[in-house]
């Protein structure tokens, strides 16, 4: 289901921060690293 999700870095930051709001526990550094990785591997077409 999530493999079809795509976005730029800002969109991925929103997704990750919503996950934090629902209980995920990540540092700011981890969130930024994940957002960058996801934006590079799951970009908007």
N, C-alpha and C. Protein backbone atom coordinates (compact mmCIF):
# COMPACT_ATOMS: atom_id res chain seq x y z
N UNK A 1 0.81 -1.18 0.00
CA UNK A 1 0.00 0.00 0.00
C UNK A 1 0.87 1.26 0.00
N UNK A 2 1.83 1.36 0.88
CA UNK A 2 2.64 2.58 0.98
C UNK A 2 3.64 2.73 -0.14
N UNK A 3 3.90 1.66 -0.91
CA UNK A 3 4.90 1.76 -1.97
C UNK A 3 4.48 2.70 -3.09
N UNK A 4 3.20 3.02 -3.19
CA UNK A 4 2.75 3.95 -4.21
C UNK A 4 2.84 5.40 -3.75
N UNK A 5 3.15 5.62 -2.49
CA UNK A 5 3.25 6.98 -1.95
C UNK A 5 4.53 7.63 -2.43
N UNK A 6 4.41 8.86 -2.92
CA UNK A 6 5.56 9.60 -3.42
C UNK A 6 5.46 11.03 -2.90
N UNK A 7 6.60 11.69 -2.81
CA UNK A 7 6.57 13.07 -2.37
C UNK A 7 7.95 13.70 -2.37
N UNK A 8 7.96 15.02 -2.23
CA UNK A 8 9.23 15.71 -2.08
C UNK A 8 9.63 15.67 -0.60
N UNK A 9 10.75 16.27 -0.29
CA UNK A 9 11.26 16.20 1.09
C UNK A 9 10.27 16.80 2.07
N UNK A 10 9.64 17.91 1.72
CA UNK A 10 8.67 18.57 2.60
C UNK A 10 7.49 17.66 2.88
N UNK A 11 7.00 16.98 1.86
CA UNK A 11 5.87 16.06 2.04
C UNK A 11 6.24 14.91 2.95
N UNK A 12 7.45 14.37 2.77
CA UNK A 12 7.89 13.27 3.62
C UNK A 12 8.08 13.72 5.07
N UNK A 13 8.55 14.96 5.26
CA UNK A 13 8.66 15.47 6.62
C UNK A 13 7.29 15.50 7.29
N UNK A 14 6.27 15.90 6.54
CA UNK A 14 4.91 15.91 7.08
C UNK A 14 4.45 14.53 7.49
N UNK A 15 4.73 13.55 6.66
CA UNK A 15 4.36 12.16 6.96
C UNK A 15 5.07 11.69 8.23
N UNK A 16 6.36 11.95 8.31
CA UNK A 16 7.14 11.49 9.45
C UNK A 16 6.71 12.18 10.74
N UNK A 17 6.43 13.46 10.69
CA UNK A 17 5.98 14.17 11.89
C UNK A 17 4.59 13.72 12.32
N UNK A 18 3.74 13.35 11.37
CA UNK A 18 2.44 12.77 11.76
C UNK A 18 2.65 11.45 12.48
N UNK A 19 3.63 10.67 12.01
CA UNK A 19 3.95 9.40 12.68
C UNK A 19 4.46 9.65 14.09
N UNK A 20 5.27 10.68 14.27
CA UNK A 20 5.76 11.05 15.60
C UNK A 20 4.57 11.42 16.48
N UNK A 21 3.63 12.16 15.93
CA UNK A 21 2.44 12.53 16.67
C UNK A 21 1.61 11.34 17.10
N UNK A 22 1.77 10.24 16.40
CA UNK A 22 1.03 9.02 16.73
C UNK A 22 1.86 8.03 17.54
N UNK A 23 3.03 8.48 18.00
CA UNK A 23 3.79 7.62 18.91
C UNK A 23 5.17 7.20 18.45
N UNK A 24 5.55 7.48 17.22
CA UNK A 24 6.91 7.11 16.78
C UNK A 24 7.92 7.94 17.56
N UNK A 25 9.05 7.37 17.87
CA UNK A 25 10.06 8.05 18.67
C UNK A 25 11.36 8.12 17.90
N UNK A 26 11.58 9.25 17.20
CA UNK A 26 12.78 9.46 16.42
C UNK A 26 13.38 10.80 16.79
N UNK A 27 14.69 10.91 16.61
CA UNK A 27 15.36 12.19 16.83
C UNK A 27 15.18 13.06 15.59
N UNK A 28 15.44 14.34 15.75
CA UNK A 28 15.38 15.28 14.63
C UNK A 28 16.32 14.85 13.51
N UNK A 29 17.49 14.37 13.89
CA UNK A 29 18.48 13.91 12.92
C UNK A 29 17.95 12.71 12.13
N UNK A 30 17.32 11.78 12.81
CA UNK A 30 16.76 10.61 12.13
C UNK A 30 15.63 11.00 11.18
N UNK A 31 14.78 11.92 11.61
CA UNK A 31 13.67 12.37 10.78
C UNK A 31 14.21 13.03 9.51
N UNK A 32 15.20 13.89 9.65
CA UNK A 32 15.78 14.55 8.48
C UNK A 32 16.43 13.55 7.53
N UNK A 33 17.13 12.56 8.09
CA UNK A 33 17.78 11.54 7.26
C UNK A 33 16.74 10.72 6.50
N UNK A 34 15.67 10.33 7.19
CA UNK A 34 14.62 9.55 6.54
C UNK A 34 13.91 10.35 5.46
N UNK A 35 13.62 11.62 5.73
CA UNK A 35 12.95 12.46 4.74
C UNK A 35 13.80 12.62 3.49
N UNK A 36 15.09 12.82 3.67
CA UNK A 36 15.99 12.95 2.53
C UNK A 36 16.04 11.65 1.74
N UNK A 37 16.18 10.53 2.42
CA UNK A 37 16.22 9.23 1.76
C UNK A 37 14.93 8.97 0.98
N UNK A 38 13.78 9.20 1.62
CA UNK A 38 12.50 8.95 0.96
C UNK A 38 12.30 9.87 -0.24
N UNK A 39 12.69 11.12 -0.13
CA UNK A 39 12.56 12.05 -1.25
C UNK A 39 13.43 11.63 -2.43
N UNK A 40 14.56 11.02 -2.15
CA UNK A 40 15.45 10.56 -3.22
C UNK A 40 14.99 9.25 -3.84
N UNK A 41 14.40 8.37 -3.03
CA UNK A 41 14.00 7.05 -3.53
C UNK A 41 12.53 6.96 -3.93
N UNK A 42 11.69 7.88 -3.41
CA UNK A 42 10.25 7.89 -3.72
C UNK A 42 9.83 9.29 -4.14
N UNK A 43 10.47 9.86 -5.19
CA UNK A 43 10.16 11.24 -5.60
C UNK A 43 8.81 11.35 -6.31
N UNK A 44 8.35 12.58 -6.40
CA UNK A 44 7.14 12.86 -7.19
C UNK A 44 7.52 12.67 -8.66
N UNK A 45 6.66 12.02 -9.39
CA UNK A 45 6.95 11.78 -10.82
C UNK A 45 6.58 12.98 -11.64
